[in-house]
N, C-alpha and C. Protein backbone atom coordinates (compact mmCIF):
# COMPACT_ATOMS: atom_id res chain seq x y z
N MET A 1 16.61 -0.83 -5.24
CA MET A 1 15.63 -1.17 -4.21
C MET A 1 15.55 -0.10 -3.17
N ASN A 2 16.67 0.49 -2.76
CA ASN A 2 16.66 1.51 -1.73
C ASN A 2 15.78 2.70 -2.18
N ASN A 3 15.91 3.07 -3.49
CA ASN A 3 15.12 4.15 -3.99
C ASN A 3 13.59 3.79 -3.97
N LEU A 4 13.27 2.53 -4.29
CA LEU A 4 11.88 2.09 -4.29
C LEU A 4 11.27 2.18 -2.90
N ILE A 5 11.98 1.68 -1.90
CA ILE A 5 11.43 1.71 -0.53
C ILE A 5 11.37 3.12 -0.04
N TYR A 6 12.36 3.95 -0.39
CA TYR A 6 12.34 5.36 0.00
C TYR A 6 11.13 6.08 -0.61
N ASN A 7 10.91 5.88 -1.91
CA ASN A 7 9.78 6.53 -2.56
C ASN A 7 8.45 6.09 -1.95
N ALA A 8 8.32 4.79 -1.67
CA ALA A 8 7.09 4.30 -1.05
C ALA A 8 6.83 4.89 0.32
N ARG A 9 7.94 4.97 1.09
CA ARG A 9 7.79 5.58 2.44
C ARG A 9 7.47 7.05 2.37
N MET A 10 8.07 7.76 1.41
CA MET A 10 7.75 9.17 1.25
C MET A 10 6.31 9.38 0.79
N ALA A 11 5.83 8.50 -0.11
CA ALA A 11 4.46 8.65 -0.60
C ALA A 11 3.44 8.41 0.53
N LEU A 12 3.81 7.54 1.45
CA LEU A 12 2.85 7.17 2.50
C LEU A 12 3.28 7.61 3.88
N ARG A 13 4.10 8.69 3.93
CA ARG A 13 4.64 9.13 5.20
C ARG A 13 3.60 9.59 6.21
N ASP A 14 2.47 10.05 5.76
CA ASP A 14 1.39 10.53 6.64
C ASP A 14 0.31 9.50 6.91
N VAL A 15 0.49 8.28 6.46
CA VAL A 15 -0.54 7.22 6.56
C VAL A 15 -0.05 6.27 7.66
N MET A 16 -0.77 6.28 8.77
CA MET A 16 -0.37 5.42 9.90
C MET A 16 -0.80 3.96 9.68
N GLU A 17 -1.73 3.73 8.78
CA GLU A 17 -2.31 2.40 8.63
C GLU A 17 -1.50 1.45 7.73
N VAL A 18 -0.23 1.78 7.43
CA VAL A 18 0.51 0.96 6.53
C VAL A 18 1.83 0.47 7.17
N ASN A 19 2.28 -0.64 6.61
CA ASN A 19 3.61 -1.17 6.93
C ASN A 19 4.31 -1.42 5.63
N ILE A 20 5.46 -0.78 5.42
CA ILE A 20 6.27 -0.98 4.21
C ILE A 20 7.54 -1.72 4.64
N PHE A 21 7.83 -2.81 3.97
CA PHE A 21 9.00 -3.58 4.40
C PHE A 21 9.60 -4.35 3.26
N THR A 22 10.78 -4.84 3.47
CA THR A 22 11.46 -5.71 2.47
C THR A 22 11.94 -6.96 3.22
N GLN A 23 12.08 -8.01 2.47
CA GLN A 23 12.57 -9.26 3.07
C GLN A 23 13.98 -9.54 2.57
N GLY A 24 14.64 -8.49 2.09
CA GLY A 24 16.02 -8.63 1.62
C GLY A 24 16.15 -9.24 0.25
N ASN A 25 15.09 -9.33 -0.51
CA ASN A 25 15.14 -9.97 -1.86
C ASN A 25 14.89 -8.96 -2.96
N ASP A 26 15.21 -7.69 -2.72
CA ASP A 26 15.05 -6.61 -3.70
C ASP A 26 13.60 -6.34 -4.03
N LYS A 27 12.69 -6.82 -3.24
CA LYS A 27 11.27 -6.53 -3.44
C LYS A 27 10.75 -5.77 -2.20
N VAL A 28 9.79 -4.83 -2.42
CA VAL A 28 9.26 -4.04 -1.35
C VAL A 28 7.79 -4.40 -1.23
N TYR A 29 7.36 -4.60 -0.04
CA TYR A 29 5.97 -5.06 0.22
C TYR A 29 5.23 -4.02 1.06
N LEU A 30 3.92 -4.06 0.91
CA LEU A 30 3.01 -3.16 1.61
C LEU A 30 1.89 -3.95 2.29
N THR A 31 1.62 -3.62 3.52
CA THR A 31 0.45 -4.15 4.19
C THR A 31 -0.36 -2.94 4.70
N VAL A 32 -1.67 -2.99 4.55
CA VAL A 32 -2.54 -1.89 5.01
C VAL A 32 -3.39 -2.47 6.16
N PHE A 33 -3.47 -1.67 7.22
CA PHE A 33 -4.30 -2.05 8.37
C PHE A 33 -5.40 -0.99 8.53
N PRO A 34 -6.41 -1.00 7.69
CA PRO A 34 -7.44 0.05 7.75
C PRO A 34 -8.21 0.05 9.03
N GLU A 35 -8.25 -1.09 9.76
CA GLU A 35 -9.00 -1.16 10.95
C GLU A 35 -8.37 -0.31 12.12
N LEU A 36 -7.09 0.10 11.96
CA LEU A 36 -6.47 0.90 13.03
C LEU A 36 -7.19 2.21 13.26
N VAL A 37 -7.63 2.83 12.19
CA VAL A 37 -8.32 4.10 12.31
C VAL A 37 -9.83 3.96 12.17
N TRP A 38 -10.24 3.02 11.33
CA TRP A 38 -11.62 2.92 10.99
C TRP A 38 -12.34 1.79 11.72
N GLU A 39 -11.84 1.43 12.91
CA GLU A 39 -12.45 0.36 13.66
C GLU A 39 -13.92 0.63 13.93
N GLY A 40 -14.74 -0.36 13.60
CA GLY A 40 -16.17 -0.21 13.78
C GLY A 40 -16.88 0.52 12.67
N SER A 41 -16.16 0.96 11.63
CA SER A 41 -16.74 1.68 10.52
C SER A 41 -17.24 0.67 9.46
N GLU A 42 -17.95 1.23 8.53
CA GLU A 42 -18.43 0.39 7.42
C GLU A 42 -17.26 -0.02 6.56
N LYS A 43 -17.43 -1.07 5.77
CA LYS A 43 -16.37 -1.57 4.90
C LYS A 43 -15.99 -0.49 3.86
N THR A 44 -16.89 0.31 3.46
CA THR A 44 -16.58 1.33 2.46
C THR A 44 -15.49 2.27 2.96
N GLN A 45 -15.38 2.46 4.23
CA GLN A 45 -14.29 3.30 4.79
C GLN A 45 -12.96 2.59 4.58
N SER A 46 -12.88 1.28 4.79
CA SER A 46 -11.68 0.51 4.57
C SER A 46 -11.27 0.65 3.12
N GLU A 47 -12.24 0.49 2.23
CA GLU A 47 -11.94 0.63 0.80
C GLU A 47 -11.38 2.01 0.47
N LYS A 48 -11.88 3.05 1.10
CA LYS A 48 -11.39 4.42 0.88
C LYS A 48 -9.93 4.53 1.37
N VAL A 49 -9.60 3.89 2.48
CA VAL A 49 -8.22 3.91 2.97
C VAL A 49 -7.30 3.26 1.98
N VAL A 50 -7.67 2.07 1.49
CA VAL A 50 -6.85 1.34 0.52
C VAL A 50 -6.72 2.15 -0.76
N GLN A 51 -7.81 2.73 -1.24
CA GLN A 51 -7.74 3.52 -2.48
C GLN A 51 -6.84 4.76 -2.27
N SER A 52 -6.90 5.37 -1.12
CA SER A 52 -6.06 6.52 -0.84
C SER A 52 -4.59 6.13 -0.83
N VAL A 53 -4.29 4.96 -0.29
CA VAL A 53 -2.88 4.47 -0.29
C VAL A 53 -2.43 4.24 -1.70
N ILE A 54 -3.26 3.61 -2.53
CA ILE A 54 -2.90 3.34 -3.93
C ILE A 54 -2.71 4.68 -4.71
N ASP A 55 -3.61 5.63 -4.48
CA ASP A 55 -3.49 6.92 -5.15
C ASP A 55 -2.20 7.61 -4.77
N ARG A 56 -1.80 7.55 -3.52
CA ARG A 56 -0.55 8.17 -3.08
C ARG A 56 0.65 7.47 -3.76
N LEU A 57 0.62 6.19 -3.89
CA LEU A 57 1.68 5.48 -4.58
C LEU A 57 1.76 5.91 -6.06
N HIS A 58 0.60 6.04 -6.66
CA HIS A 58 0.55 6.47 -8.07
C HIS A 58 1.20 7.87 -8.26
N GLU A 59 1.05 8.73 -7.27
CA GLU A 59 1.63 10.06 -7.36
C GLU A 59 3.16 10.02 -7.39
N MET A 60 3.73 8.93 -6.87
CA MET A 60 5.21 8.72 -6.89
C MET A 60 5.63 7.74 -7.95
N ASN A 61 4.75 7.53 -8.93
CA ASN A 61 5.00 6.58 -10.06
C ASN A 61 5.24 5.17 -9.55
N LEU A 62 4.49 4.77 -8.52
CA LEU A 62 4.56 3.42 -7.98
C LEU A 62 3.16 2.78 -8.11
N ASP A 63 3.07 1.50 -7.99
CA ASP A 63 1.84 0.76 -8.03
C ASP A 63 1.97 -0.50 -7.21
N VAL A 64 0.88 -1.21 -7.06
CA VAL A 64 0.90 -2.50 -6.40
C VAL A 64 0.74 -3.58 -7.51
N ALA A 65 1.47 -4.66 -7.30
CA ALA A 65 1.40 -5.78 -8.25
C ALA A 65 0.12 -6.54 -8.01
N GLY A 66 -0.57 -6.90 -9.09
CA GLY A 66 -1.75 -7.73 -8.96
C GLY A 66 -3.08 -7.01 -9.28
N GLY A 67 -3.06 -5.72 -9.46
CA GLY A 67 -4.27 -5.02 -9.81
C GLY A 67 -5.39 -5.19 -8.80
N GLU A 68 -6.58 -5.56 -9.27
CA GLU A 68 -7.75 -5.67 -8.39
C GLU A 68 -7.59 -6.75 -7.32
N SER A 69 -6.87 -7.81 -7.61
CA SER A 69 -6.63 -8.85 -6.58
C SER A 69 -5.76 -8.26 -5.46
N ALA A 70 -4.93 -7.32 -5.77
CA ALA A 70 -4.09 -6.68 -4.73
C ALA A 70 -4.97 -5.82 -3.84
N VAL A 71 -5.94 -5.16 -4.38
CA VAL A 71 -6.88 -4.34 -3.56
C VAL A 71 -7.58 -5.26 -2.55
N GLN A 72 -8.08 -6.40 -3.00
CA GLN A 72 -8.74 -7.32 -2.07
C GLN A 72 -7.77 -7.82 -1.03
N ALA A 73 -6.54 -8.13 -1.42
CA ALA A 73 -5.55 -8.57 -0.47
C ALA A 73 -5.25 -7.49 0.59
N LEU A 74 -5.14 -6.27 0.17
CA LEU A 74 -4.91 -5.15 1.10
C LEU A 74 -6.12 -5.02 2.05
N LEU A 75 -7.30 -5.19 1.54
CA LEU A 75 -8.47 -5.11 2.42
C LEU A 75 -8.48 -6.22 3.44
N ASN A 76 -7.84 -7.29 3.15
CA ASN A 76 -7.71 -8.45 4.08
C ASN A 76 -6.43 -8.38 4.93
N SER A 77 -5.75 -7.24 4.87
CA SER A 77 -4.53 -7.00 5.60
C SER A 77 -3.40 -7.96 5.22
N GLU A 78 -3.41 -8.37 3.94
CA GLU A 78 -2.35 -9.20 3.42
C GLU A 78 -1.31 -8.29 2.73
N SER A 79 -0.11 -8.81 2.56
CA SER A 79 0.95 -8.03 1.94
C SER A 79 0.90 -8.16 0.44
N VAL A 80 1.23 -7.04 -0.25
CA VAL A 80 1.36 -7.03 -1.71
C VAL A 80 2.64 -6.35 -2.07
N GLU A 81 3.18 -6.66 -3.26
CA GLU A 81 4.43 -6.06 -3.69
C GLU A 81 4.20 -4.67 -4.28
N ILE A 82 5.11 -3.78 -3.96
CA ILE A 82 5.10 -2.45 -4.56
C ILE A 82 6.03 -2.50 -5.75
N VAL A 83 5.60 -2.00 -6.92
CA VAL A 83 6.38 -1.99 -8.11
C VAL A 83 6.38 -0.59 -8.71
N ARG A 84 7.34 -0.41 -9.61
CA ARG A 84 7.35 0.90 -10.32
C ARG A 84 6.25 0.83 -11.35
N LYS A 85 5.60 1.99 -11.48
CA LYS A 85 4.46 2.11 -12.43
C LYS A 85 4.95 1.93 -13.85
N ALA A 86 4.27 1.15 -14.63
CA ALA A 86 4.63 0.93 -16.04
C ALA A 86 4.52 2.25 -16.80
N ALA A 87 5.46 2.44 -17.69
CA ALA A 87 5.41 3.73 -18.48
C ALA A 87 4.30 3.79 -19.49
């Protein structure tokens, strides 16, 4: 778990709009707050922020659990689990 949270934090180290946390149950969660930077912008900007976050996770062989439903959850500033990317 320590390696998972470390990799997630390294992948997203330059992204201010995220919160990476664990609740002590060996799972790592991500919340995106696209409105922090894109306040007043069109929704497509929020989608770009979320897609950028997911792309950065993919670069570290990580992904979010839930696929497309996770994207919608992130757009609604809900938490989703970060998982290792399937081989």
